[in-house]
Amino acid sequence: MVTYKRRRSILTALGLYTLAALFIGYFGIHAYTGNHGLRAQAGLDQQIAQMSAELSRARQERAEWEHRVSLLSADRLDPDMLEERARALLDYVDPRDATMLLKPR
């Protein structure tokens, strides 16, 4: 009878350790591969880097456009910018301009 109690206590302890190891393994795997895990964090970090680069490009383009718009303001109108916009909008060509015709490929 004593051996059964000892065997039962050993099996109970072994079962509890196994159950605890399974729980730790389960949560460890999900901490690495889950929706909010380490792999997901790495993907989010990569997206943040890409979007930051896109944001800096967009800010640079906006600054360029703001500069061009400021050149077209009424108080400091740049004649070259005015001529460029008039030619683009009206399809205007000066008779003194050299025109080159290119063959389409």
PDB file of N, CA and C in Angstrom:
ATOM      1  N   MET A   1       0.807  -1.189   0.000  1.00  0.00           N
ATOM      2  CA  MET A   1       0.000   0.000   0.000  1.00  0.00           C
ATOM      3  C   MET A   1       0.854   1.258   0.000  1.00  0.00           C
ATOM      4  N   VAL A   2       1.998   1.205   0.625  1.00  0.00           N
ATOM      5  CA  VAL A   2       2.879   2.353   0.690  1.00  0.00           C
ATOM      6  C   VAL A   2       3.420   2.685  -0.689  1.00  0.00           C
ATOM      7  N   THR A   3       3.698   1.708  -1.507  1.00  0.00           N
ATOM      8  CA  THR A   3       4.241   1.947  -2.828  1.00  0.00           C
ATOM      9  C   THR A   3       3.236   2.644  -3.731  1.00  0.00           C
ATOM     10  N   TYR A   4       1.958   2.345  -3.567  1.00  0.00           N
ATOM     11  CA  TYR A   4       0.953   3.014  -4.380  1.00  0.00           C
ATOM     12  C   TYR A   4       0.861   4.490  -4.048  1.00  0.00           C
ATOM     13  N   LYS A   5       0.955   4.839  -2.773  1.00  0.00           N
ATOM     14  CA  LYS A   5       0.922   6.248  -2.382  1.00  0.00           C
ATOM     15  C   LYS A   5       2.145   6.971  -2.926  1.00  0.00           C
ATOM     16  N   ARG A   6       3.284   6.326  -2.824  1.00  0.00           N
ATOM     17  CA  ARG A   6       4.516   6.954  -3.317  1.00  0.00           C
ATOM     18  C   ARG A   6       4.448   7.102  -4.829  1.00  0.00           C
ATOM     19  N   ARG A   7       3.975   6.051  -5.503  1.00  0.00           N
ATOM     20  CA  ARG A   7       3.843   6.104  -6.946  1.00  0.00           C
ATOM     21  C   ARG A   7       2.840   7.188  -7.366  1.00  0.00           C
ATOM     22  N   ARG A   8       1.725   7.283  -6.647  1.00  0.00           N
ATOM     23  CA  ARG A   8       0.710   8.289  -6.942  1.00  0.00           C
ATOM     24  C   ARG A   8       1.255   9.695  -6.719  1.00  0.00           C
ATOM     25  N   SER A   9       2.015   9.909  -5.680  1.00  0.00           N
ATOM     26  CA  SER A   9       2.569  11.245  -5.417  1.00  0.00           C
ATOM     27  C   SER A   9       3.604  11.623  -6.486  1.00  0.00           C
ATOM     28  N   ILE A  10       4.393  10.643  -6.924  1.00  0.00           N
ATOM     29  CA  ILE A  10       5.368  10.909  -7.991  1.00  0.00           C
ATOM     30  C   ILE A  10       4.644  11.218  -9.297  1.00  0.00           C
ATOM     31  N   LEU A  11       3.613  10.445  -9.625  1.00  0.00           N
ATOM     32  CA  LEU A  11       2.857  10.688 -10.856  1.00  0.00           C
ATOM     33  C   LEU A  11       2.097  12.016 -10.792  1.00  0.00           C
ATOM     34  N   THR A  12       1.576  12.364  -9.622  1.00  0.00           N
ATOM     35  CA  THR A  12       0.878  13.640  -9.461  1.00  0.00           C
ATOM     36  C   THR A  12       1.843  14.803  -9.660  1.00  0.00           C
ATOM     37  N   ALA A  13       3.010  14.721  -9.043  1.00  0.00           N
ATOM     38  CA  ALA A  13       4.002  15.787  -9.207  1.00  0.00           C
ATOM     39  C   ALA A  13       4.462  15.880 -10.653  1.00  0.00           C
ATOM     40  N   LEU A  14       4.694  14.722 -11.274  1.00  0.00           N
ATOM     41  CA  LEU A  14       5.108  14.695 -12.671  1.00  0.00           C
ATOM     42  C   LEU A  14       4.017  15.273 -13.573  1.00  0.00           C
ATOM     43  N   GLY A  15       2.772  14.956 -13.281  1.00  0.00           N
ATOM     44  CA  GLY A  15       1.642  15.490 -14.050  1.00  0.00           C
ATOM     45  C   GLY A  15       1.535  17.000 -13.904  1.00  0.00           C
ATOM     46  N   LEU A  16       1.702  17.492 -12.673  1.00  0.00           N
ATOM     47  CA  LEU A  16       1.636  18.942 -12.461  1.00  0.00           C
ATOM     48  C   LEU A  16       2.785  19.666 -13.173  1.00  0.00           C
ATOM     49  N   TYR A  17       3.985  19.106 -13.113  1.00  0.00           N
ATOM     50  CA  TYR A  17       5.110  19.715 -13.820  1.00  0.00           C
ATOM     51  C   TYR A  17       4.889  19.702 -15.334  1.00  0.00           C
ATOM     52  N   THR A  18       4.330  18.589 -15.832  1.00  0.00           N
ATOM     53  CA  THR A  18       4.048  18.499 -17.267  1.00  0.00           C
ATOM     54  C   THR A  18       2.992  19.521 -17.671  1.00  0.00           C
ATOM     55  N   LEU A  19       1.943  19.651 -16.874  1.00  0.00           N
ATOM     56  CA  LEU A  19       0.887  20.622 -17.147  1.00  0.00           C
ATOM     57  C   LEU A  19       1.435  22.050 -17.112  1.00  0.00           C
ATOM     58  N   ALA A  20       2.274  22.341 -16.134  1.00  0.00           N
ATOM     59  CA  ALA A  20       2.876  23.676 -16.046  1.00  0.00           C
ATOM     60  C   ALA A  20       3.776  23.941 -17.245  1.00  0.00           C
ATOM     61  N   ALA A  21       4.538  22.929 -17.676  1.00  0.00           N
ATOM     62  CA  ALA A  21       5.408  23.102 -18.843  1.00  0.00           C
ATOM     63  C   ALA A  21       4.580  23.324 -20.101  1.00  0.00           C
ATOM     64  N   LEU A  22       3.455  22.631 -20.226  1.00  0.00           N
ATOM     65  CA  LEU A  22       2.577  22.842 -21.384  1.00  0.00           C
ATOM     66  C   LEU A  22       1.990  24.247 -21.398  1.00  0.00           C
ATOM     67  N   PHE A  23       1.558  24.729 -20.236  1.00  0.00           N
ATOM     68  CA  PHE A  23       1.042  26.099 -20.157  1.00  0.00           C
ATOM     69  C   PHE A  23       2.121  27.117 -20.526  1.00  0.00           C
ATOM     70  N   ILE A  24       3.292  26.947 -19.994  1.00  0.00           N
ATOM     71  CA  ILE A  24       4.395  27.872 -20.301  1.00  0.00           C
ATOM     72  C   ILE A  24       4.745  27.804 -21.786  1.00  0.00           C
ATOM     73  N   GLY A  25       4.776  26.602 -22.341  1.00  0.00           N
ATOM     74  CA  GLY A  25       5.057  26.446 -23.769  1.00  0.00           C
ATOM     75  C   GLY A  25       3.983  27.088 -24.629  1.00  0.00           C
ATOM     76  N   TYR A  26       2.717  26.883 -24.243  1.00  0.00           N
ATOM     77  CA  TYR A  26       1.605  27.467 -24.995  1.00  0.00           C
ATOM     78  C   TYR A  26       1.702  28.987 -25.020  1.00  0.00           C
ATOM     79  N   PHE A  27       1.878  29.601 -23.872  1.00  0.00           N
ATOM     80  CA  PHE A  27       1.956  31.054 -23.819  1.00  0.00           C
ATOM     81  C   PHE A  27       3.253  31.571 -24.444  1.00  0.00           C
ATOM     82  N   GLY A  28       4.320  30.788 -24.341  1.00  0.00           N
ATOM     83  CA  GLY A  28       5.580  31.188 -24.983  1.00  0.00           C
ATOM     84  C   GLY A  28       5.468  31.196 -26.496  1.00  0.00           C
ATOM     85  N   ILE A  29       4.825  30.189 -27.052  1.00  0.00           N
ATOM     86  CA  ILE A  29       4.648  30.137 -28.509  1.00  0.00           C
ATOM     87  C   ILE A  29       3.785  31.298 -28.982  1.00  0.00           C
ATOM     88  N   HIS A  30       2.717  31.568 -28.255  1.00  0.00           N
ATOM     89  CA  HIS A  30       1.844  32.669 -28.654  1.00  0.00           C
ATOM     90  C   HIS A  30       2.477  34.033 -28.417  1.00  0.00           C
ATOM     91  N   ALA A  31       3.371  34.130 -27.473  1.00  0.00           N
ATOM     92  CA  ALA A  31       4.089  35.387 -27.281  1.00  0.00           C
ATOM     93  C   ALA A  31       5.036  35.654 -28.448  1.00  0.00           C
ATOM     94  N   TYR A  32       5.473  34.614 -29.105  1.00  0.00           N
ATOM     95  CA  TYR A  32       6.375  34.773 -30.252  1.00  0.00           C
ATOM     96  C   TYR A  32       5.610  34.910 -31.566  1.00  0.00           C
ATOM     97  N   THR A  33       4.584  34.074 -31.774  1.00  0.00           N
ATOM     98  CA  THR A  33       3.913  34.032 -33.073  1.00  0.00           C
ATOM     99  C   THR A  33       2.514  34.620 -33.069  1.00  0.00           C
ATOM    100  N   GLY A  34       1.996  35.067 -31.983  1.00  0.00           N
ATOM    101  CA  GLY A  34       0.618  35.555 -31.917  1.00  0.00           C
ATOM    102  C   GLY A  34       0.421  36.895 -32.610  1.00  0.00           C
ATOM    103  N   ASN A  35      -0.828  37.389 -32.587  1.00  0.00           N
ATOM    104  CA  ASN A  35      -1.164  38.661 -33.233  1.00  0.00           C
ATOM    105  C   ASN A  35      -0.404  39.835 -32.637  1.00  0.00           C
ATOM    106  N   HIS A  36      -0.067  39.749 -31.383  1.00  0.00           N
ATOM    107  CA  HIS A  36       0.662  40.822 -30.712  1.00  0.00           C
ATOM    108  C   HIS A  36       2.035  40.339 -30.255  1.00  0.00           C
ATOM    109  N   GLY A  37       2.558  39.326 -30.907  1.00  0.00           N
ATOM    110  CA  GLY A  37       3.826  38.720 -30.503  1.00  0.00           C
ATOM    111  C   GLY A  37       5.035  39.421 -31.088  1.00  0.00           C
ATOM    112  N   LEU A  38       6.178  38.784 -30.899  1.00  0.00           N
ATOM    113  CA  LEU A  38       7.442  39.372 -31.334  1.00  0.00           C
ATOM    114  C   LEU A  38       7.539  39.460 -32.852  1.00  0.00           C
ATOM    115  N   ARG A  39       7.051  38.449 -33.568  1.00  0.00           N
ATOM    116  CA  ARG A  39       7.094  38.487 -35.031  1.00  0.00           C
ATOM    117  C   ARG A  39       6.175  39.579 -35.567  1.00  0.00           C
ATOM    118  N   ALA A  40       5.012  39.745 -34.959  1.00  0.00           N
ATOM    119  CA  ALA A  40       4.096  40.803 -35.373  1.00  0.00           C
ATOM    120  C   ALA A  40       4.719  42.169 -35.093  1.00  0.00           C
ATOM    121  N   GLN A  41       5.426  42.301 -33.991  1.00  0.00           N
ATOM    122  CA  GLN A  41       6.091  43.568 -33.661  1.00  0.00           C
ATOM    123  C   GLN A  41       7.158  43.897 -34.690  1.00  0.00           C
ATOM    124  N   ALA A  42       7.892  42.888 -35.152  1.00  0.00           N
ATOM    125  CA  ALA A  42       8.911  43.118 -36.181  1.00  0.00           C
ATOM    126  C   ALA A  42       8.263  43.582 -37.478  1.00  0.00           C
ATOM    127  N   GLY A  43       7.127  42.988 -37.831  1.00  0.00           N
ATOM    128  CA  GLY A  43       6.399  43.429 -39.025  1.00  0.00           C
ATOM    129  C   GLY A  43       5.900  44.855 -38.886  1.00  0.00           C
ATOM    130  N   LEU A  44       5.407  45.199 -37.710  1.00  0.00           N
ATOM    131  CA  LEU A  44       4.951  46.568 -37.469  1.00  0.00           C
ATOM    132  C   LEU A  44       6.113  47.557 -37.523  1.00  0.00           C
ATOM    133  N   ASP A  45       7.257  47.175 -36.997  1.00  0.00           N
ATOM    134  CA  ASP A  45       8.427  48.046 -37.065  1.00  0.00           C
ATOM    135  C   ASP A  45       8.836  48.298 -38.508  1.00  0.00           C
ATOM    136  N   GLN A  46       8.744  47.261 -39.348  1.00  0.00           N
ATOM    137  CA  GLN A  46       9.083  47.418 -40.762  1.00  0.00           C
ATOM    138  C   GLN A  46       8.074  48.341 -41.447  1.00  0.00           C
ATOM    139  N   GLN A  47       6.798  48.208 -41.136  1.00  0.00           N
ATOM    140  CA  GLN A  47       5.785  49.092 -41.705  1.00  0.00           C
ATOM    141  C   GLN A  47       5.998  50.529 -41.259  1.00  0.00           C
ATOM    142  N   ILE A  48       6.380  50.722 -40.004  1.00  0.00           N
ATOM    143  CA  ILE A  48       6.633  52.067 -39.499  1.00  0.00           C
ATOM    144  C   ILE A  48       7.795  52.704 -40.245  1.00  0.00           C
ATOM    145  N   ALA A  49       8.842  51.924 -40.510  1.00  0.00           N
ATOM    146  CA  ALA A  49       9.989  52.459 -41.253  1.00  0.00           C
ATOM    147  C   ALA A  49       9.590  52.841 -42.675  1.00  0.00           C
ATOM    148  N   GLN A  50       8.794  52.003 -43.343  1.00  0.00           N
ATOM    149  CA  GLN A  50       8.357  52.313 -44.700  1.00  0.00           C
ATOM    150  C   GLN A  50       7.473  53.550 -44.723  1.00  0.00           C
ATOM    151  N   MET A  51       6.559  53.645 -43.788  1.00  0.00           N
ATOM    152  CA  MET A  51       5.655  54.787 -43.752  1.00  0.00           C
ATOM    153  C   MET A  51       6.384  56.068 -43.357  1.00  0.00           C
ATOM    154  N   SER A  52       7.396  55.958 -42.523  1.00  0.00           N
ATOM    155  CA  SER A  52       8.189  57.142 -42.176  1.00  0.00           C
ATOM    156  C   SER A  52       8.935  57.663 -43.395  1.00  0.00           C
ATOM    157  N   ALA A  53       9.469  56.752 -44.208  1.00  0.00           N
ATOM    158  CA  ALA A  53      10.140  57.171 -45.438  1.00  0.00           C
ATOM    159  C   ALA A  53       9.149  57.812 -46.391  1.00  0.00           C
ATOM    160  N   GLU A  54       7.964  57.236 -46.490  1.00  0.00           N
ATOM    161  CA  GLU A  54       6.926  57.806 -47.361  1.00  0.00           C
ATOM    162  C   GLU A  54       6.494  59.182 -46.856  1.00  0.00           C
ATOM    163  N   LEU A  55       6.398  59.330 -45.541  1.00  0.00           N
ATOM    164  CA  LEU A  55       6.033  60.616 -44.957  1.00  0.00           C
ATOM    165  C   LEU A  55       7.081  61.671 -45.254  1.00  0.00           C
ATOM    166  N   SER A  56       8.358  61.311 -45.141  1.00  0.00           N
ATOM    167  CA  SER A  56       9.406  62.297 -45.420  1.00  0.00           C
ATOM    168  C   SER A  56       9.388  62.700 -46.894  1.00  0.00           C
ATOM    169  N   ARG A  57       9.127  61.739 -47.805  1.00  0.00           N
ATOM    170  CA  ARG A  57       9.006  62.087 -49.229  1.00  0.00           C
ATOM    171  C   ARG A  57       7.824  63.012 -49.464  1.00  0.00           C
ATOM    172  N   ALA A  58       6.700  62.736 -48.817  1.00  0.00           N
ATOM    173  CA  ALA A  58       5.511  63.569 -48.980  1.00  0.00           C
ATOM    174  C   ALA A  58       5.749  64.973 -48.429  1.00  0.00           C
ATOM    175  N   ARG A  59       6.443  65.070 -47.319  1.00  0.00           N
ATOM    176  CA  ARG A  59       6.748  66.399 -46.760  1.00  0.00           C
ATOM    177  C   ARG A  59       7.663  67.185 -47.678  1.00  0.00           C
ATOM    178  N   GLN A  60       8.638  66.492 -48.270  1.00  0.00           N
ATOM    179  CA  GLN A  60       9.549  67.162 -49.198  1.00  0.00           C
ATOM    180  C   GLN A  60       8.793  67.642 -50.439  1.00  0.00           C
ATOM    181  N   GLU A  61       7.916  66.812 -50.963  1.00  0.00           N
ATOM    182  CA  GLU A  61       7.131  67.206 -52.129  1.00  0.00           C
ATOM    183  C   GLU A  61       6.208  68.376 -51.795  1.00  0.00           C
ATOM    184  N   ARG A  62       5.618  68.350 -50.600  1.00  0.00           N
ATOM    185  CA  ARG A  62       4.754  69.453 -50.190  1.00  0.00           C
ATOM    186  C   ARG A  62       5.546  70.751 -50.074  1.00  0.00           C
ATOM    187  N   ALA A  63       6.761  70.661 -49.528  1.00  0.00           N
ATOM    188  CA  ALA A  63       7.595  71.864 -49.418  1.00  0.00           C
ATOM    189  C   ALA A  63       7.930  72.413 -50.801  1.00  0.00           C
ATOM    190  N   GLU A  64       8.200  71.536 -51.764  1.00  0.00           N
ATOM    191  CA  GLU A  64       8.481  71.989 -53.127  1.00  0.00           C
ATOM    192  C   GLU A  64       7.266  72.683 -53.731  1.00  0.00           C
ATOM    193  N   TRP A  65       6.082  72.089 -53.534  1.00  0.00           N
ATOM    194  CA  TRP A  65       4.876  72.704 -54.080  1.00  0.00           C
ATOM    195  C   TRP A  65       4.557  74.023 -53.378  1.00  0.00           C
ATOM    196  N   GLU A  66       4.760  74.097 -52.089  1.00  0.00           N
ATOM    197  CA  GLU A  66       4.533  75.364 -51.380  1.00  0.00           C
ATOM    198  C   GLU A  66       5.469  76.446 -51.892  1.00  0.00           C
ATOM    199  N   HIS A  67       6.708  76.064 -52.192  1.00  0.00           N
ATOM    200  CA  HIS A  67       7.662  77.028 -52.748  1.00  0.00           C
ATOM    201  C   HIS A  67       7.203  77.510 -54.116  1.00  0.00           C
ATOM    202  N   ARG A  68       6.742  76.581 -54.955  1.00  0.00           N
ATOM    203  CA  ARG A  68       6.264  76.973 -56.293  1.00  0.00           C
ATOM    204  C   ARG A  68       5.036  77.854 -56.202  1.00  0.00           C
ATOM    205  N   VAL A  69       4.127  77.562 -55.279  1.00  0.00           N
ATOM    206  CA  VAL A  69       2.929  78.388 -55.105  1.00  0.00           C
ATOM    207  C   VAL A  69       3.312  79.759 -54.594  1.00  0.00           C
ATOM    208  N   SER A  70       4.292  79.813 -53.696  1.00  0.00           N
ATOM    209  CA  SER A  70       4.710  81.130 -53.182  1.00  0.00           C
ATOM    210  C   SER A  70       5.335  81.976 -54.282  1.00  0.00           C
ATOM    211  N   LEU A  71       5.965  81.336 -55.273  1.00  0.00           N
ATOM    212  CA  LEU A  71       6.513  82.097 -56.400  1.00  0.00           C
ATOM    213  C   LEU A  71       5.415  82.670 -57.288  1.00  0.00           C
ATOM    214  N   LEU A  72       4.227  82.081 -57.249  1.00  0.00           N
ATOM    215  CA  LEU A  72       3.115  82.578 -58.044  1.00  0.00           C
ATOM    216  C   LEU A  72       2.227  83.555 -57.284  1.00  0.00           C
ATOM    217  N   SER A  73       2.578  83.906 -56.068  1.00  0.00           N
ATOM    218  CA  SER A  73       1.756  84.839 -55.300  1.00  0.00           C
ATOM    219  C   SER A  73       1.824  86.230 -55.930  1.00  0.00           C
ATOM    220  N   ALA A  74       0.801  87.036 -55.666  1.00  0.00           N
ATOM    221  CA  ALA A  74       0.664  88.331 -56.337  1.00  0.00           C
ATOM    222  C   ALA A  74       1.758  89.320 -55.947  1.00  0.00           C
ATOM    223  N   ASP A  75       2.252  89.266 -54.726  1.00  0.00           N
ATOM    224  CA  ASP A  75       3.237  90.257 -54.295  1.00  0.00           C
ATOM    225  C   ASP A  75       4.634  89.973 -54.834  1.00  0.00           C
ATOM    226  N   ARG A  76       4.962  88.761 -55.206  1.00  0.00           N
ATOM    227  CA  ARG A  76       6.279  88.473 -55.773  1.00  0.00           C
ATOM    228  C   ARG A  76       6.156  87.450 -56.898  1.00  0.00           C
ATOM    229  N   LEU A  77       5.580  87.893 -57.974  1.00  0.00           N
ATOM    230  CA  LEU A  77       5.352  87.033 -59.125  1.00  0.00           C
ATOM    231  C   LEU A  77       6.638  86.865 -59.911  1.00  0.00           C
ATOM    232  N   ASP A  78       7.044  85.639 -60.107  1.00  0.00           N
ATOM    233  CA  ASP A  78       8.248  85.332 -60.865  1.00  0.00           C
ATOM    234  C   ASP A  78       7.869  85.207 -62.340  1.00  0.00           C
ATOM    235  N   PRO A  79       8.467  86.011 -63.217  1.00  0.00           N
ATOM    236  CA  PRO A  79       8.091  85.968 -64.632  1.00  0.00           C
ATOM    237  C   PRO A  79       8.345  84.615 -65.283  1.00  0.00           C
ATOM    238  N   ASP A  80       9.408  83.938 -64.891  1.00  0.00           N
ATOM    239  CA  ASP A  80       9.690  82.634 -65.467  1.00  0.00           C
ATOM    240  C   ASP A  80       8.618  81.605 -65.100  1.00  0.00           C
ATOM    241  N   MET A  81       8.181  81.647 -63.845  1.00  0.00           N
ATOM    242  CA  MET A  81       7.127  80.734 -63.418  1.00  0.00           C
ATOM    243  C   MET A  81       5.823  81.052 -64.139  1.00  0.00           C
ATOM    244  N   LEU A  82       5.517  82.335 -64.301  1.00  0.00           N
ATOM    245  CA  LEU A  82       4.302  82.733 -65.004  1.00  0.00           C
ATOM    246  C   LEU A  82       4.337  82.246 -66.450  1.00  0.00           C
ATOM    247  N   GLU A  83       5.471  82.428 -67.108  1.00  0.00           N
ATOM    248  CA  GLU A  83       5.605  81.980 -68.494  1.00  0.00           C
ATOM    249  C   GLU A  83       5.489  80.451 -68.583  1.00  0.00           C
ATOM    250  N   GLU A  84       6.113  79.750 -67.639  1.00  0.00           N
ATOM    251  CA  GLU A  84       6.047  78.286 -67.649  1.00  0.00           C
ATOM    252  C   GLU A  84       4.610  77.802 -67.499  1.00  0.00           C
ATOM    253  N   ARG A  85       3.872  78.384 -66.563  1.00  0.00           N
ATOM    254  CA  ARG A  85       2.488  77.977 -66.350  1.00  0.00           C
ATOM    255  C   ARG A  85       1.604  78.351 -67.526  1.00  0.00           C
ATOM    256  N   ALA A  86       1.834  79.535 -68.119  1.00  0.00           N
ATOM    257  CA  ALA A  86       1.032  79.946 -69.271  1.00  0.00           C
ATOM    258  C   ALA A  86       1.281  79.009 -70.454  1.00  0.00           C
ATOM    259  N   ARG A  87       2.511  78.637 -70.687  1.00  0.00           N
ATOM    260  CA  ARG A  87       2.814  77.716 -71.784  1.00  0.00           C
ATOM    261  C   ARG A  87       2.185  76.351 -71.532  1.00  0.00           C
ATOM    262  N   ALA A  88       2.229  75.896 -70.301  1.00  0.00           N
ATOM    263  CA  ALA A  88       1.672  74.580 -69.996  1.00  0.00           C
ATOM    264  C   ALA A  88       0.149  74.574 -70.119  1.00  0.00           C
ATOM    265  N   LEU A  89      -0.501  75.615 -69.635  1.00  0.00           N
ATOM    266  CA  LEU A  89      -1.959  75.650 -69.649  1.00  0.00           C
ATOM    267  C   LEU A  89      -2.541  76.013 -71.010  1.00  0.00           C
ATOM    268  N   LEU A  90      -1.884  76.908 -71.732  1.00  0.00           N
ATOM    269  CA  LEU A  90      -2.423  77.397 -73.000  1.00  0.00           C
ATOM    270  C   LEU A  90      -1.795  76.750 -74.217  1.00  0.00           C
ATOM    271  N   ASP A  91      -0.864  75.847 -74.018  1.00  0.00           N
ATOM    272  CA  ASP A  91      -0.117  75.247 -75.124  1.00  0.00           C
ATOM    273  C   ASP A  91       0.498  76.327 -76.002  1.00  0.00           C
ATOM    274  N   TYR A  92       1.118  77.281 -75.374  1.00  0.00           N
ATOM    275  CA  TYR A  92       1.705  78.429 -76.064  1.00  0.00           C
ATOM    276  C   TYR A  92       3.157  78.118 -76.408  1.00  0.00           C
ATOM    277  N   VAL A  93       3.560  78.467 -77.634  1.00  0.00           N
ATOM    278  CA  VAL A  93       4.939  78.304 -78.059  1.00  0.00           C
ATOM    279  C   VAL A  93       5.391  79.621 -78.657  1.00  0.00           C
ATOM    280  N   ASP A  94       6.515  80.123 -78.225  1.00  0.00           N
ATOM    281  CA  ASP A  94       7.091  81.357 -78.757  1.00  0.00           C
ATOM    282  C   ASP A  94       7.681  81.057 -80.136  1.00  0.00           C
ATOM    283  N   PRO A  95       7.506  81.977 -81.097  1.00  0.00           N
ATOM    284  CA  PRO A  95       8.076  81.741 -82.432  1.00  0.00           C
ATOM    285  C   PRO A  95       9.592  81.598 -82.419  1.00  0.00           C
ATOM    286  N   ARG A  96      10.253  82.119 -81.415  1.00  0.00           N
ATOM    287  CA  ARG A  96      11.714  82.016 -81.341  1.00  0.00           C
ATOM    288  C   ARG A  96      12.192  80.720 -80.693  1.00  0.00           C
ATOM    289  N   ASP A  97      11.260  79.909 -80.212  1.00  0.00           N
ATOM    290  CA  ASP A  97      11.630  78.649 -79.563  1.00  0.00           C
ATOM    291  C   ASP A  97      12.024  77.615 -80.616  1.00  0.00           C
ATOM    292  N   ALA A  98      12.993  76.813 -80.271  1.00  0.00           N
ATOM    293  CA  ALA A  98      13.381  75.708 -81.145  1.00  0.00           C
ATOM    294  C   ALA A  98      12.516  74.511 -80.783  1.00  0.00           C
ATOM    295  N   THR A  99      11.784  74.005 -81.749  1.00  0.00           N
ATOM    296  CA  THR A  99      10.864  72.907 -81.522  1.00  0.00           C
ATOM    297  C   THR A  99      11.455  71.644 -82.119  1.00  0.00           C
ATOM    298  N   MET A 100      11.470  70.582 -81.327  1.00  0.00           N
ATOM    299  CA  MET A 100      12.022  69.312 -81.800  1.00  0.00           C
ATOM    300  C   MET A 100      10.892  68.291 -81.823  1.00  0.00           C
ATOM    301  N   LEU A 101      10.712  67.647 -82.949  1.00  0.00           N
ATOM    302  CA  LEU A 101       9.694  66.607 -83.066  1.00  0.00           C
ATOM    303  C   LEU A 101      10.377  65.259 -82.901  1.00  0.00           C
ATOM    304  N   LEU A 102       9.835  64.448 -82.040  1.00  0.00           N
ATOM    305  CA  LEU A 102      10.387  63.131 -81.770  1.00  0.00           C
ATOM    306  C   LEU A 102       9.459  62.074 -82.337  1.00  0.00           C
ATOM    307  N   LYS A 103      10.051  61.026 -82.871  1.00  0.00           N
ATOM    308  CA  LYS A 103       9.253  59.907 -83.369  1.00  0.00           C
ATOM    309  C   LYS A 103       8.806  59.053 -82.191  1.00  0.00           C
ATOM    310  N   PRO A 104       7.532  58.688 -82.170  1.00  0.00           N
ATOM    311  CA  PRO A 104       7.113  57.797 -81.086  1.00  0.00           C
ATOM    312  C   PRO A 104       7.685  56.398 -81.298  1.00  0.00           C
ATOM    313  N   ARG A 105       8.041  55.747 -80.236  1.00  0.00           N
ATOM    314  CA  ARG A 105       8.653  54.419 -80.328  1.00  0.00           C
ATOM    315  C   ARG A 105       7.636  53.339 -80.335  1.00  0.00           C
TER     316      ARG A 105
END
